[in-house]
Amino acid sequence: MISTHTPGPWIIQPTSRAGNGSAWRDIVSTGTTFSPCYVSEALERDAQLIAAAPDLLAALQSVVARYAPTTSPADDEVAAMWRSARSAIAKAQGLAD
């Protein structure tokens, strides 16, 4: 699958911007071929989730690719789960409204 987002892995480190306070963290991509690149800045708890996003997306894509039913599931709950998983993948890839 083609990814257009900043490549992972992403790491969290203390902010490099003066004046933002100690609660802020930089999220940095170490997956580039030349040098780490700045991705975003967030509070620690948000930074943890954001930094895990590439891994979460890859894991969900693997599960859907491996275990997705080849026909519509008869169980409404299972069908809703697969729709939700595919929707989340599309959203992460910028393919959803």
PDB file of N, CA and C in Angstrom:
ATOM      1  N   MET A   1       0.836  -1.181   0.000  1.00  0.00           N
ATOM      2  CA  MET A   1       0.000   0.000   0.000  1.00  0.00           C
ATOM      3  C   MET A   1       0.881   1.244   0.000  1.00  0.00           C
ATOM      4  N   ILE A   2       0.450   2.244  -0.724  1.00  0.00           N
ATOM      5  CA  ILE A   2       1.211   3.476  -0.847  1.00  0.00           C
ATOM      6  C   ILE A   2       0.854   4.406   0.304  1.00  0.00           C
ATOM      7  N   SER A   3       1.874   4.970   0.942  1.00  0.00           N
ATOM      8  CA  SER A   3       1.667   5.936   2.013  1.00  0.00           C
ATOM      9  C   SER A   3       2.128   7.306   1.546  1.00  0.00           C
ATOM     10  N   THR A   4       1.344   8.312   1.826  1.00  0.00           N
ATOM     11  CA  THR A   4       1.719   9.670   1.459  1.00  0.00           C
ATOM     12  C   THR A   4       2.058  10.507   2.685  1.00  0.00           C
ATOM     13  N   HIS A   5       1.898   9.924   3.870  1.00  0.00           N
ATOM     14  CA  HIS A   5       2.211  10.664   5.092  1.00  0.00           C
ATOM     15  C   HIS A   5       3.713  10.628   5.367  1.00  0.00           C
ATOM     16  N   THR A   6       4.148  11.458   6.302  1.00  0.00           N
ATOM     17  CA  THR A   6       5.549  11.450   6.718  1.00  0.00           C
ATOM     18  C   THR A   6       5.867  10.066   7.256  1.00  0.00           C
ATOM     19  N   PRO A   7       6.928   9.448   6.759  1.00  0.00           N
ATOM     20  CA  PRO A   7       7.202   8.064   7.155  1.00  0.00           C
ATOM     21  C   PRO A   7       7.564   7.934   8.631  1.00  0.00           C
ATOM     22  N   GLY A   8       7.178   6.824   9.220  1.00  0.00           N
ATOM     23  CA  GLY A   8       7.560   6.494  10.589  1.00  0.00           C
ATOM     24  C   GLY A   8       8.882   5.771  10.561  1.00  0.00           C
ATOM     25  N   PRO A   9       9.433   5.411  11.644  1.00  0.00           N
ATOM     26  CA  PRO A   9       8.845   5.645  12.967  1.00  0.00           C
ATOM     27  C   PRO A   9       8.945   7.109  13.380  1.00  0.00           C
ATOM     28  N   TRP A  10       8.035   7.499  14.249  1.00  0.00           N
ATOM     29  CA  TRP A  10       8.046   8.832  14.825  1.00  0.00           C
ATOM     30  C   TRP A  10       8.435   8.696  16.287  1.00  0.00           C
ATOM     31  N   ILE A  11       9.209   9.637  16.769  1.00  0.00           N
ATOM     32  CA  ILE A  11       9.609   9.641  18.180  1.00  0.00           C
ATOM     33  C   ILE A  11       9.125  10.928  18.837  1.00  0.00           C
ATOM     34  N   ILE A  12       9.067  10.903  20.155  1.00  0.00           N
ATOM     35  CA  ILE A  12       8.663  12.068  20.942  1.00  0.00           C
ATOM     36  C   ILE A  12       9.886  12.556  21.695  1.00  0.00           C
ATOM     37  N   GLN A  13      10.095  13.859  21.689  1.00  0.00           N
ATOM     38  CA  GLN A  13      11.205  14.426  22.436  1.00  0.00           C
ATOM     39  C   GLN A  13      10.774  15.775  23.004  1.00  0.00           C
ATOM     40  N   PRO A  14      11.502  16.282  24.009  1.00  0.00           N
ATOM     41  CA  PRO A  14      11.141  17.596  24.552  1.00  0.00           C
ATOM     42  C   PRO A  14      11.117  18.637  23.436  1.00  0.00           C
ATOM     43  N   THR A  15      10.229  19.613  23.559  1.00  0.00           N
ATOM     44  CA  THR A  15      10.089  20.609  22.499  1.00  0.00           C
ATOM     45  C   THR A  15      11.375  21.394  22.284  1.00  0.00           C
ATOM     46  N   SER A  16      11.631  21.730  21.040  1.00  0.00           N
ATOM     47  CA  SER A  16      12.796  22.530  20.693  1.00  0.00           C
ATOM     48  C   SER A  16      12.444  24.006  20.618  1.00  0.00           C
ATOM     49  N   ARG A  17      11.176  24.313  20.820  1.00  0.00           N
ATOM     50  CA  ARG A  17      10.721  25.705  20.726  1.00  0.00           C
ATOM     51  C   ARG A  17      10.660  26.342  22.104  1.00  0.00           C
ATOM     52  N   ALA A  18      11.380  27.388  22.265  1.00  0.00           N
ATOM     53  CA  ALA A  18      11.417  28.077  23.556  1.00  0.00           C
ATOM     54  C   ALA A  18      10.069  28.713  23.853  1.00  0.00           C
ATOM     55  N   GLY A  19       9.694  28.722  25.125  1.00  0.00           N
ATOM     56  CA  GLY A  19       8.499  29.420  25.547  1.00  0.00           C
ATOM     57  C   GLY A  19       7.216  28.618  25.495  1.00  0.00           C
ATOM     58  N   ASN A  20       7.264  27.361  25.046  1.00  0.00           N
ATOM     59  CA  ASN A  20       6.037  26.576  24.960  1.00  0.00           C
ATOM     60  C   ASN A  20       5.732  25.805  26.233  1.00  0.00           C
ATOM     61  N   GLY A  21       6.646  25.779  27.162  1.00  0.00           N
ATOM     62  CA  GLY A  21       6.404  25.090  28.419  1.00  0.00           C
ATOM     63  C   GLY A  21       6.799  23.636  28.356  1.00  0.00           C
ATOM     64  N   SER A  22       7.052  23.052  29.498  1.00  0.00           N
ATOM     65  CA  SER A  22       7.576  21.687  29.564  1.00  0.00           C
ATOM     66  C   SER A  22       6.554  20.622  29.202  1.00  0.00           C
ATOM     67  N   ALA A  23       5.260  20.971  29.148  1.00  0.00           N
ATOM     68  CA  ALA A  23       4.243  19.970  28.810  1.00  0.00           C
ATOM     69  C   ALA A  23       4.211  19.669  27.315  1.00  0.00           C
ATOM     70  N   TRP A  24       4.863  20.498  26.511  1.00  0.00           N
ATOM     71  CA  TRP A  24       4.850  20.309  25.069  1.00  0.00           C
ATOM     72  C   TRP A  24       5.972  19.399  24.627  1.00  0.00           C
ATOM     73  N   ARG A  25       5.708  18.602  23.575  1.00  0.00           N
ATOM     74  CA  ARG A  25       6.697  17.675  23.030  1.00  0.00           C
ATOM     75  C   ARG A  25       6.735  17.821  21.516  1.00  0.00           C
ATOM     76  N   ASP A  26       7.908  17.622  20.929  1.00  0.00           N
ATOM     77  CA  ASP A  26       8.039  17.566  19.473  1.00  0.00           C
ATOM     78  C   ASP A  26       7.838  16.125  19.034  1.00  0.00           C
ATOM     79  N   ILE A  27       7.193  15.952  17.908  1.00  0.00           N
ATOM     80  CA  ILE A  27       7.031  14.633  17.295  1.00  0.00           C
ATOM     81  C   ILE A  27       7.889  14.673  16.038  1.00  0.00           C
ATOM     82  N   VAL A  28       8.843  13.772  15.953  1.00  0.00           N
ATOM     83  CA  VAL A  28       9.849  13.813  14.903  1.00  0.00           C
ATOM     84  C   VAL A  28       9.863  12.497  14.146  1.00  0.00           C
ATOM     85  N   SER A  29       9.901  12.571  12.821  1.00  0.00           N
ATOM     86  CA  SER A  29      10.022  11.366  12.001  1.00  0.00           C
ATOM     87  C   SER A  29      11.485  10.988  11.881  1.00  0.00           C
ATOM     88  N   THR A  30      11.796   9.753  12.205  1.00  0.00           N
ATOM     89  CA  THR A  30      13.162   9.252  12.009  1.00  0.00           C
ATOM     90  C   THR A  30      13.197   8.321  10.809  1.00  0.00           C
ATOM     91  N   GLY A  31      12.089   8.253  10.075  1.00  0.00           N
ATOM     92  CA  GLY A  31      11.980   7.352   8.932  1.00  0.00           C
ATOM     93  C   GLY A  31      12.419   7.968   7.618  1.00  0.00           C
ATOM     94  N   THR A  32      12.935   9.189   7.660  1.00  0.00           N
ATOM     95  CA  THR A  32      13.398   9.814   6.425  1.00  0.00           C
ATOM     96  C   THR A  32      14.789   9.293   6.086  1.00  0.00           C
ATOM     97  N   THR A  33      15.166   9.411   4.839  1.00  0.00           N
ATOM     98  CA  THR A  33      16.462   8.885   4.401  1.00  0.00           C
ATOM     99  C   THR A  33      17.606   9.856   4.642  1.00  0.00           C
ATOM    100  N   PHE A  34      17.306  11.107   4.934  1.00  0.00           N
ATOM    101  CA  PHE A  34      18.383  12.079   5.093  1.00  0.00           C
ATOM    102  C   PHE A  34      18.618  12.484   6.534  1.00  0.00           C
ATOM    103  N   SER A  35      17.600  12.908   7.255  1.00  0.00           N
ATOM    104  CA  SER A  35      17.749  13.287   8.660  1.00  0.00           C
ATOM    105  C   SER A  35      16.375  13.321   9.300  1.00  0.00           C
ATOM    106  N   PRO A  36      16.329  13.305  10.636  1.00  0.00           N
ATOM    107  CA  PRO A  36      15.021  13.390  11.284  1.00  0.00           C
ATOM    108  C   PRO A  36      14.281  14.645  10.823  1.00  0.00           C
ATOM    109  N   CYS A  37      12.977  14.561  10.732  1.00  0.00           N
ATOM    110  CA  CYS A  37      12.203  15.712  10.288  1.00  0.00           C
ATOM    111  C   CYS A  37      11.093  15.987  11.283  1.00  0.00           C
ATOM    112  N   TYR A  38      10.870  17.266  11.542  1.00  0.00           N
ATOM    113  CA  TYR A  38       9.857  17.720  12.481  1.00  0.00           C
ATOM    114  C   TYR A  38       8.468  17.421  11.919  1.00  0.00           C
ATOM    115  N   VAL A  39       7.628  16.775  12.701  1.00  0.00           N
ATOM    116  CA  VAL A  39       6.274  16.444  12.258  1.00  0.00           C
ATOM    117  C   VAL A  39       5.249  17.372  12.896  1.00  0.00           C
ATOM    118  N   SER A  40       5.300  17.518  14.188  1.00  0.00           N
ATOM    119  CA  SER A  40       4.267  18.279  14.878  1.00  0.00           C
ATOM    120  C   SER A  40       4.704  18.566  16.302  1.00  0.00           C
ATOM    121  N   GLU A  41       3.868  19.289  16.992  1.00  0.00           N
ATOM    122  CA  GLU A  41       4.089  19.569  18.400  1.00  0.00           C
ATOM    123  C   GLU A  41       2.773  19.315  19.121  1.00  0.00           C
ATOM    124  N   ALA A  42       2.849  18.700  20.278  1.00  0.00           N
ATOM    125  CA  ALA A  42       1.619  18.373  20.998  1.00  0.00           C
ATOM    126  C   ALA A  42       1.913  18.180  22.476  1.00  0.00           C
ATOM    127  N   LEU A  43       0.856  18.125  23.261  1.00  0.00           N
ATOM    128  CA  LEU A  43       1.007  17.765  24.658  1.00  0.00           C
ATOM    129  C   LEU A  43       1.436  16.307  24.742  1.00  0.00           C
ATOM    130  N   GLU A  44       2.063  15.926  25.817  1.00  0.00           N
ATOM    131  CA  GLU A  44       2.634  14.579  25.965  1.00  0.00           C
ATOM    132  C   GLU A  44       1.631  13.479  25.618  1.00  0.00           C
ATOM    133  N   ARG A  45       0.426  13.526  26.180  1.00  0.00           N
ATOM    134  CA  ARG A  45      -0.541  12.439  25.943  1.00  0.00           C
ATOM    135  C   ARG A  45      -1.002  12.411  24.486  1.00  0.00           C
ATOM    136  N   ASP A  46      -1.108  13.572  23.859  1.00  0.00           N
ATOM    137  CA  ASP A  46      -1.470  13.620  22.444  1.00  0.00           C
ATOM    138  C   ASP A  46      -0.292  13.159  21.590  1.00  0.00           C
ATOM    139  N   ALA A  47       0.904  13.556  21.984  1.00  0.00           N
ATOM    140  CA  ALA A  47       2.110  13.184  21.241  1.00  0.00           C
ATOM    141  C   ALA A  47       2.265  11.664  21.187  1.00  0.00           C
ATOM    142  N   GLN A  48       1.949  10.981  22.274  1.00  0.00           N
ATOM    143  CA  GLN A  48       2.063   9.520  22.297  1.00  0.00           C
ATOM    144  C   GLN A  48       1.154   8.880  21.261  1.00  0.00           C
ATOM    145  N   LEU A  49      -0.079   9.365  21.175  1.00  0.00           N
ATOM    146  CA  LEU A  49      -1.028   8.826  20.203  1.00  0.00           C
ATOM    147  C   LEU A  49      -0.602   9.158  18.775  1.00  0.00           C
ATOM    148  N   ILE A  50      -0.199  10.401  18.552  1.00  0.00           N
ATOM    149  CA  ILE A  50       0.218  10.823  17.215  1.00  0.00           C
ATOM    150  C   ILE A  50       1.446  10.038  16.761  1.00  0.00           C
ATOM    151  N   ALA A  51       2.405   9.868  17.656  1.00  0.00           N
ATOM    152  CA  ALA A  51       3.625   9.142  17.304  1.00  0.00           C
ATOM    153  C   ALA A  51       3.347   7.672  16.998  1.00  0.00           C
ATOM    154  N   ALA A  52       2.299   7.123  17.595  1.00  0.00           N
ATOM    155  CA  ALA A  52       1.939   5.723  17.343  1.00  0.00           C
ATOM    156  C   ALA A  52       1.110   5.552  16.070  1.00  0.00           C
ATOM    157  N   ALA A  53       0.641   6.642  15.483  1.00  0.00           N
ATOM    158  CA  ALA A  53      -0.272   6.570  14.331  1.00  0.00           C
ATOM    159  C   ALA A  53       0.247   5.721  13.177  1.00  0.00           C
ATOM    160  N   PRO A  54       1.501   5.871  12.718  1.00  0.00           N
ATOM    161  CA  PRO A  54       1.948   5.021  11.609  1.00  0.00           C
ATOM    162  C   PRO A  54       1.904   3.528  11.954  1.00  0.00           C
ATOM    163  N   ASP A  55       2.256   3.189  13.190  1.00  0.00           N
ATOM    164  CA  ASP A  55       2.220   1.786  13.610  1.00  0.00           C
ATOM    165  C   ASP A  55       0.788   1.274  13.707  1.00  0.00           C
ATOM    166  N   LEU A  56      -0.115   2.105  14.230  1.00  0.00           N
ATOM    167  CA  LEU A  56      -1.527   1.716  14.315  1.00  0.00           C
ATOM    168  C   LEU A  56      -2.120   1.501  12.929  1.00  0.00           C
ATOM    169  N   LEU A  57      -1.807   2.402  11.993  1.00  0.00           N
ATOM    170  CA  LEU A  57      -2.313   2.266  10.632  1.00  0.00           C
ATOM    171  C   LEU A  57      -1.792   0.986   9.991  1.00  0.00           C
ATOM    172  N   ALA A  58      -0.505   0.739  10.108  1.00  0.00           N
ATOM    173  CA  ALA A  58       0.082  -0.465   9.511  1.00  0.00           C
ATOM    174  C   ALA A  58      -0.518  -1.734  10.119  1.00  0.00           C
ATOM    175  N   ALA A  59      -0.732  -1.743  11.429  1.00  0.00           N
ATOM    176  CA  ALA A  59      -1.314  -2.912  12.089  1.00  0.00           C
ATOM    177  C   ALA A  59      -2.749  -3.145  11.619  1.00  0.00           C
ATOM    178  N   LEU A  60      -3.543  -2.079  11.531  1.00  0.00           N
ATOM    179  CA  LEU A  60      -4.925  -2.220  11.084  1.00  0.00           C
ATOM    180  C   LEU A  60      -4.980  -2.677   9.631  1.00  0.00           C
ATOM    181  N   GLN A  61      -4.102  -2.126   8.789  1.00  0.00           N
ATOM    182  CA  GLN A  61      -4.054  -2.558   7.391  1.00  0.00           C
ATOM    183  C   GLN A  61      -3.715  -4.048   7.298  1.00  0.00           C
ATOM    184  N   SER A  62      -2.796  -4.520   8.111  1.00  0.00           N
ATOM    185  CA  SER A  62      -2.417  -5.933   8.103  1.00  0.00           C
ATOM    186  C   SER A  62      -3.579  -6.825   8.529  1.00  0.00           C
ATOM    187  N   VAL A  63      -4.265  -6.432   9.584  1.00  0.00           N
ATOM    188  CA  VAL A  63      -5.396  -7.222  10.077  1.00  0.00           C
ATOM    189  C   VAL A  63      -6.500  -7.277   9.018  1.00  0.00           C
ATOM    190  N   VAL A  64      -6.824  -6.124   8.428  1.00  0.00           N
ATOM    191  CA  VAL A  64      -7.885  -6.087   7.417  1.00  0.00           C
ATOM    192  C   VAL A  64      -7.484  -6.915   6.199  1.00  0.00           C
ATOM    193  N   ALA A  65      -6.226  -6.787   5.771  1.00  0.00           N
ATOM    194  CA  ALA A  65      -5.780  -7.548   4.602  1.00  0.00           C
ATOM    195  C   ALA A  65      -5.801  -9.049   4.866  1.00  0.00           C
ATOM    196  N   ARG A  66      -5.450  -9.450   6.064  1.00  0.00           N
ATOM    197  CA  ARG A  66      -5.347 -10.883   6.380  1.00  0.00           C
ATOM    198  C   ARG A  66      -6.681 -11.510   6.742  1.00  0.00           C
ATOM    199  N   TYR A  67      -7.523 -10.785   7.473  1.00  0.00           N
ATOM    200  CA  TYR A  67      -8.720 -11.397   8.032  1.00  0.00           C
ATOM    201  C   TYR A  67     -10.038 -10.853   7.485  1.00  0.00           C
ATOM    202  N   ALA A  68      -9.996  -9.907   6.573  1.00  0.00           N
ATOM    203  CA  ALA A  68     -11.239  -9.353   6.039  1.00  0.00           C
ATOM    204  C   ALA A  68     -12.038 -10.447   5.344  1.00  0.00           C
ATOM    205  N   PRO A  69     -13.324 -10.494   5.591  1.00  0.00           N
ATOM    206  CA  PRO A  69     -14.145 -11.511   4.941  1.00  0.00           C
ATOM    207  C   PRO A  69     -14.204 -11.282   3.432  1.00  0.00           C
ATOM    208  N   THR A  70     -14.271 -12.366   2.682  1.00  0.00           N
ATOM    209  CA  THR A  70     -14.348 -12.264   1.220  1.00  0.00           C
ATOM    210  C   THR A  70     -15.781 -12.006   0.755  1.00  0.00           C
ATOM    211  N   THR A  71     -16.715 -12.249   1.616  1.00  0.00           N
ATOM    212  CA  THR A  71     -18.120 -11.922   1.329  1.00  0.00           C
ATOM    213  C   THR A  71     -18.642 -11.094   2.497  1.00  0.00           C
ATOM    214  N   SER A  72     -19.811 -10.519   2.349  1.00  0.00           N
ATOM    215  CA  SER A  72     -20.391  -9.732   3.435  1.00  0.00           C
ATOM    216  C   SER A  72     -20.655 -10.630   4.641  1.00  0.00           C
ATOM    217  N   PRO A  73     -20.169 -10.232   5.812  1.00  0.00           N
ATOM    218  CA  PRO A  73     -20.436 -11.036   7.006  1.00  0.00           C
ATOM    219  C   PRO A  73     -21.929 -11.069   7.315  1.00  0.00           C
ATOM    220  N   ALA A  74     -22.404 -12.215   7.743  1.00  0.00           N
ATOM    221  CA  ALA A  74     -23.814 -12.362   8.114  1.00  0.00           C
ATOM    222  C   ALA A  74     -24.107 -11.642   9.425  1.00  0.00           C
ATOM    223  N   ASP A  75     -23.121 -11.541  10.274  1.00  0.00           N
ATOM    224  CA  ASP A  75     -23.264 -10.915  11.583  1.00  0.00           C
ATOM    225  C   ASP A  75     -23.156  -9.390  11.428  1.00  0.00           C
ATOM    226  N   ASP A  76     -24.205  -8.671  11.797  1.00  0.00           N
ATOM    227  CA  ASP A  76     -24.219  -7.206  11.659  1.00  0.00           C
ATOM    228  C   ASP A  76     -23.091  -6.539  12.444  1.00  0.00           C
ATOM    229  N   GLU A  77     -22.786  -7.074  13.612  1.00  0.00           N
ATOM    230  CA  GLU A  77     -21.720  -6.501  14.440  1.00  0.00           C
ATOM    231  C   GLU A  77     -20.361  -6.644  13.752  1.00  0.00           C
ATOM    232  N   VAL A  78     -20.104  -7.787  13.160  1.00  0.00           N
ATOM    233  CA  VAL A  78     -18.844  -8.014  12.439  1.00  0.00           C
ATOM    234  C   VAL A  78     -18.781  -7.121  11.197  1.00  0.00           C
ATOM    235  N   ALA A  79     -19.893  -7.011  10.485  1.00  0.00           N
ATOM    236  CA  ALA A  79     -19.934  -6.155   9.300  1.00  0.00           C
ATOM    237  C   ALA A  79     -19.642  -4.705   9.680  1.00  0.00           C
ATOM    238  N   ALA A  80     -20.204  -4.243  10.784  1.00  0.00           N
ATOM    239  CA  ALA A  80     -19.960  -2.876  11.250  1.00  0.00           C
ATOM    240  C   ALA A  80     -18.498  -2.684  11.636  1.00  0.00           C
ATOM    241  N   MET A  81     -17.903  -3.702  12.238  1.00  0.00           N
ATOM    242  CA  MET A  81     -16.492  -3.627  12.620  1.00  0.00           C
ATOM    243  C   MET A  81     -15.605  -3.467  11.389  1.00  0.00           C
ATOM    244  N   TRP A  82     -15.867  -4.231  10.331  1.00  0.00           N
ATOM    245  CA  TRP A  82     -15.057  -4.139   9.115  1.00  0.00           C
ATOM    246  C   TRP A  82     -15.260  -2.808   8.410  1.00  0.00           C
ATOM    247  N   ARG A  83     -16.498  -2.304   8.395  1.00  0.00           N
ATOM    248  CA  ARG A  83     -16.734  -0.975   7.806  1.00  0.00           C
ATOM    249  C   ARG A  83     -15.966   0.091   8.572  1.00  0.00           C
ATOM    250  N   SER A  84     -15.990  -0.012   9.874  1.00  0.00           N
ATOM    251  CA  SER A  84     -15.275   0.944  10.720  1.00  0.00           C
ATOM    252  C   SER A  84     -13.769   0.882  10.478  1.00  0.00           C
ATOM    253  N   ALA A  85     -13.229  -0.328  10.370  1.00  0.00           N
ATOM    254  CA  ALA A  85     -11.789  -0.491  10.129  1.00  0.00           C
ATOM    255  C   ALA A  85     -11.401   0.089   8.776  1.00  0.00           C
ATOM    256  N   ARG A  86     -12.168  -0.222   7.748  1.00  0.00           N
ATOM    257  CA  ARG A  86     -11.858   0.309   6.409  1.00  0.00           C
ATOM    258  C   ARG A  86     -12.023   1.827   6.374  1.00  0.00           C
ATOM    259  N   SER A  87     -13.000   2.347   7.083  1.00  0.00           N
ATOM    260  CA  SER A  87     -13.212   3.797   7.152  1.00  0.00           C
ATOM    261  C   SER A  87     -12.048   4.487   7.845  1.00  0.00           C
ATOM    262  N   ALA A  88     -11.559   3.892   8.925  1.00  0.00           N
ATOM    263  CA  ALA A  88     -10.415   4.468   9.654  1.00  0.00           C
ATOM    264  C   ALA A  88      -9.161   4.486   8.782  1.00  0.00           C
ATOM    265  N   ILE A  89      -8.944   3.441   8.022  1.00  0.00           N
ATOM    266  CA  ILE A  89      -7.792   3.384   7.105  1.00  0.00           C
ATOM    267  C   ILE A  89      -7.916   4.482   6.059  1.00  0.00           C
ATOM    268  N   ALA A  90      -9.094   4.611   5.453  1.00  0.00           N
ATOM    269  CA  ALA A  90      -9.318   5.638   4.445  1.00  0.00           C
ATOM    270  C   ALA A  90      -9.099   7.041   5.023  1.00  0.00           C
ATOM    271  N   LYS A  91      -9.587   7.251   6.237  1.00  0.00           N
ATOM    272  CA  LYS A  91      -9.417   8.549   6.893  1.00  0.00           C
ATOM    273  C   LYS A  91      -7.937   8.849   7.125  1.00  0.00           C
ATOM    274  N   ALA A  92      -7.192   7.861   7.583  1.00  0.00           N
ATOM    275  CA  ALA A  92      -5.755   8.048   7.827  1.00  0.00           C
ATOM    276  C   ALA A  92      -4.995   8.325   6.539  1.00  0.00           C
ATOM    277  N   GLN A  93      -5.501   7.802   5.429  1.00  0.00           N
ATOM    278  CA  GLN A  93      -4.844   8.006   4.140  1.00  0.00           C
ATOM    279  C   GLN A  93      -5.353   9.242   3.393  1.00  0.00           C
ATOM    280  N   GLY A  94      -6.271   9.975   4.030  1.00  0.00           N
ATOM    281  CA  GLY A  94      -6.816  11.175   3.415  1.00  0.00           C
ATOM    282  C   GLY A  94      -7.811  10.879   2.316  1.00  0.00           C
ATOM    283  N   LEU A  95      -8.389   9.688   2.334  1.00  0.00           N
ATOM    284  CA  LEU A  95      -9.330   9.282   1.292  1.00  0.00           C
ATOM    285  C   LEU A  95     -10.784   9.395   1.724  1.00  0.00           C
ATOM    286  N   ALA A  96     -11.018   9.847   2.955  1.00  0.00           N
ATOM    287  CA  ALA A  96     -12.381   9.969   3.478  1.00  0.00           C
ATOM    288  C   ALA A  96     -12.699  11.443   3.689  1.00  0.00           C
ATOM    289  N   ASP A  97     -13.984  11.744   3.629  1.00  0.00           N
ATOM    290  CA  ASP A  97     -14.412  13.130   3.861  1.00  0.00           C
ATOM    291  C   ASP A  97     -14.377  13.475   5.325  1.00  0.00           C
TER     292      ASP A  97
END
